C-alpha atoms as a PDB file:
ATOM      1  CA  MET A   1       0.000   0.000   0.000  1.00  0.00           C
ATOM      2  CA  THR A   2       1.298   3.441  -0.966  1.00  0.00           C
ATOM      3  CA  THR A   3       1.031   6.298   1.476  1.00  0.00           C
ATOM      4  CA  PHE A   4       1.168   9.916   0.509  1.00  0.00           C
ATOM      5  CA  ASN A   5       2.414  12.708   2.667  1.00  0.00           C
ATOM      6  CA  VAL A   6       0.067  15.653   2.461  1.00  0.00           C
ATOM      7  CA  ILE A   7       1.891  18.957   2.452  1.00  0.00           C
ATOM      8  CA  GLU A   8      -0.261  21.702   3.817  1.00  0.00           C
ATOM      9  CA  PRO A   9       0.512  25.191   2.571  1.00  0.00           C
ATOM     10  CA  ASP A  10       1.943  27.629   5.072  1.00  0.00           C
ATOM     11  CA  ILE A  11      -0.083  30.816   4.784  1.00  0.00           C
ATOM     12  CA  SER A  12       1.133  32.379   7.995  1.00  0.00           C
ATOM     13  CA  ASN A  13       3.353  34.808   6.061  1.00  0.00           C
ATOM     14  CA  ILE A  14       0.812  35.788   3.399  1.00  0.00           C
ATOM     15  CA  GLY A  15      -0.070  39.086   5.120  1.00  0.00           C
ATOM     16  CA  PRO A  16       3.226  40.884   4.422  1.00  0.00           C
ATOM     17  CA  VAL A  17       3.167  39.628   0.830  1.00  0.00           C
ATOM     18  CA  ILE A  18      -0.340  41.028   0.287  1.00  0.00           C
ATOM     19  CA  SER A  19       0.689  44.263   1.993  1.00  0.00           C
ATOM     20  CA  ASN A  20       3.748  44.669  -0.243  1.00  0.00           C
ATOM     21  CA  VAL A  21       1.801  43.893  -3.418  1.00  0.00           C
ATOM     22  CA  LEU A  22      -0.963  46.348  -2.523  1.00  0.00           C
ATOM     23  CA  SER A  23       1.548  49.052  -1.568  1.00  0.00           C
ATOM     24  CA  ALA A  24       3.347  48.630  -4.878  1.00  0.00           C
ATOM     25  CA  LEU A  25       0.039  48.619  -6.772  1.00  0.00           C
ATOM     26  CA  PHE A  26      -1.191  51.834  -5.150  1.00  0.00           C
ATOM     27  CA  GLY A  27       2.198  53.454  -5.702  1.00  0.00           C
ATOM     28  CA  LEU A  28       1.978  52.535  -9.378  1.00  0.00           C
ATOM     29  CA  ILE A  29      -1.588  53.869  -9.604  1.00  0.00           C
ATOM     30  CA  GLY A  30      -0.461  57.164  -8.057  1.00  0.00           C
ATOM     31  CA  LEU A  31       2.473  57.397 -10.460  1.00  0.00           C
ATOM     32  CA  ILE A  32       0.274  56.697 -13.491  1.00  0.00           C
ATOM     33  CA  ALA A  33      -2.326  59.224 -12.323  1.00  0.00           C
ATOM     34  CA  GLY A  34       0.354  61.862 -11.764  1.00  0.00           C
ATOM     35  CA  ILE A  35       1.914  61.307 -15.178  1.00  0.00           C
ATOM     36  CA  ASN A  36      -1.537  61.343 -16.796  1.00  0.00           C
ATOM     37  CA  MET A  37      -2.400  64.653 -15.103  1.00  0.00           C
ATOM     38  CA  LEU A  38       0.956  66.135 -16.132  1.00  0.00           C
ATOM     39  CA  LEU A  39       0.510  65.102 -19.766  1.00  0.00           C
ATOM     40  CA  THR A  40      -3.049  66.400 -19.708  1.00  0.00           C
ATOM     41  CA  GLY A  41      -1.812  69.744 -18.392  1.00  0.00           C
ATOM     42  CA  ILE A  42       0.669  69.914 -21.251  1.00  0.00           C
ATOM     43  CA  LYS A  43      -2.127  69.126 -23.739  1.00  0.00           C
ATOM     44  CA  LEU A  44      -4.306  71.744 -22.090  1.00  0.00           C
ATOM     45  CA  ALA A  45      -1.573  74.368 -22.342  1.00  0.00           C
ATOM     46  CA  SER A  46      -0.772  73.490 -25.951  1.00  0.00           C
ATOM     47  CA  SER A  47      -4.385  73.408 -27.163  1.00  0.00           C
ATOM     48  CA  GLN A  48      -3.991  77.039 -28.301  1.00  0.00           C
ATOM     49  CA  GLY A  49      -7.661  77.815 -27.946  1.00  0.00           C
ATOM     50  CA  ASP A  50      -8.887  74.918 -30.100  1.00  0.00           C
ATOM     51  CA  PRO A  51     -12.289  74.054 -28.572  1.00  0.00           C
ATOM     52  CA  LYS A  52     -12.064  70.340 -29.430  1.00  0.00           C
ATOM     53  CA  ALA A  53      -8.563  69.922 -28.030  1.00  0.00           C
ATOM     54  CA  LEU A  54      -9.514  71.934 -24.950  1.00  0.00           C
ATOM     55  CA  ALA A  55     -12.621  69.804 -24.328  1.00  0.00           C
ATOM     56  CA  ALA A  56     -10.650  66.579 -24.833  1.00  0.00           C
ATOM     57  CA  ALA A  57      -7.931  67.710 -22.399  1.00  0.00           C
ATOM     58  CA  LYS A  58     -10.507  68.728 -19.798  1.00  0.00           C
ATOM     59  CA  ALA A  59     -12.305  65.390 -20.118  1.00  0.00           C
ATOM     60  CA  ARG A  60      -9.014  63.480 -19.800  1.00  0.00           C
ATOM     61  CA  PHE A  61      -8.074  65.482 -16.718  1.00  0.00           C
ATOM     62  CA  THR A  62     -11.497  64.833 -15.191  1.00  0.00           C
ATOM     63  CA  TRP A  63     -11.122  61.087 -15.736  1.00  0.00           C
ATOM     64  CA  ALA A  64      -7.564  61.113 -14.348  1.00  0.00           C
ATOM     65  CA  VAL A  65      -8.692  62.877 -11.165  1.00  0.00           C
ATOM     66  CA  LEU A  66     -11.735  60.599 -10.862  1.00  0.00           C
ATOM     67  CA  GLY A  67      -9.569  57.490 -11.237  1.00  0.00           C
ATOM     68  CA  PHE A  68      -7.167  58.792  -8.621  1.00  0.00           C
ATOM     69  CA  LEU A  69     -10.025  59.499  -6.208  1.00  0.00           C
ATOM     70  CA  ILE A  70     -11.436  56.010  -6.783  1.00  0.00           C
ATOM     71  CA  ALA A  71      -7.991  54.528  -6.016  1.00  0.00           C
ATOM     72  CA  ILE A  72      -7.841  56.544  -2.784  1.00  0.00           C
ATOM     73  CA  GLY A  73     -11.341  55.299  -1.913  1.00  0.00           C
ATOM     74  CA  VAL A  74     -10.334  51.689  -2.531  1.00  0.00           C
ATOM     75  CA  PHE A  75      -7.219  52.203  -0.415  1.00  0.00           C
ATOM     76  CA  THR A  76      -9.385  53.586   2.406  1.00  0.00           C
ATOM     77  CA  ILE A  77     -11.861  50.702   2.162  1.00  0.00           C
ATOM     78  CA  ILE A  78      -9.029  48.150   2.261  1.00  0.00           C
ATOM     79  CA  ARG A  79      -7.584  49.856   5.359  1.00  0.00           C
ATOM     80  CA  LEU A  80     -11.032  49.907   6.987  1.00  0.00           C
ATOM     81  CA  VAL A  81     -11.763  46.242   6.254  1.00  0.00           C
ATOM     82  CA  GLY A  82      -8.263  45.296   7.384  1.00  0.00           C
ATOM     83  CA  SER A  83      -8.740  47.065  10.689  1.00  0.00           C
ATOM     84  CA  LEU A  84     -12.135  45.406  11.165  1.00  0.00           C
ATOM     85  CA  VAL A  85     -10.702  41.908  10.663  1.00  0.00           C
ATOM     86  CA  GLY A  86      -7.607  42.680  12.712  1.00  0.00           C
ATOM     87  CA  PHE A  87      -4.970  42.963  10.005  1.00  0.00           C
ATOM     88  CA  ASN A  88      -3.162  46.129   8.999  1.00  0.00           C
ATOM     89  CA  PHE A  89      -2.378  45.850   5.280  1.00  0.00           C
ATOM     90  CA  PHE A  90      -0.452  49.117   5.183  1.00  0.00           C
ATOM     91  CA  PRO A  91       1.475  49.534   8.415  1.00  0.00           C
ATOM     92  CA  ILE A  92       2.658  53.065   9.090  1.00  0.00           C
ATOM     93  CA  VAL A  93       6.029  53.002  10.806  1.00  0.00           C
ATOM     94  CA  LEU A  94       7.169  56.188  12.469  1.00  0.00           C
ATOM     95  CA  ASN A  95      10.804  56.685  13.329  1.00  0.00           C
ATOM     96  CA  THR A  96      10.882  58.083  16.861  1.00  0.00           C
ATOM     97  CA  ASP A  97      14.656  57.836  17.270  1.00  0.00           C
ATOM     98  CA  LEU A  98      15.313  61.414  16.197  1.00  0.00           C
END
């Protein structure tokens, strides 16, 4: 008779991995939103009074700001849910050794 050893996964260290992935993801979202707003500002400045280009730049800026606000909302919800279940996904470490 053959016996198999069952290897159970160790998920005790999954919290820091999730925290690091989410931190990197939100950092990337912020970077993309910032670059998008910068490029939109350049388009806005270079529209030279063209109503179509001006409207397109304003719409793009509106969507960039809206996307950034949604990302901040998601970040806040994740922090809230994490605190409710007892896990801090984004620990804030303050250096008090000054």
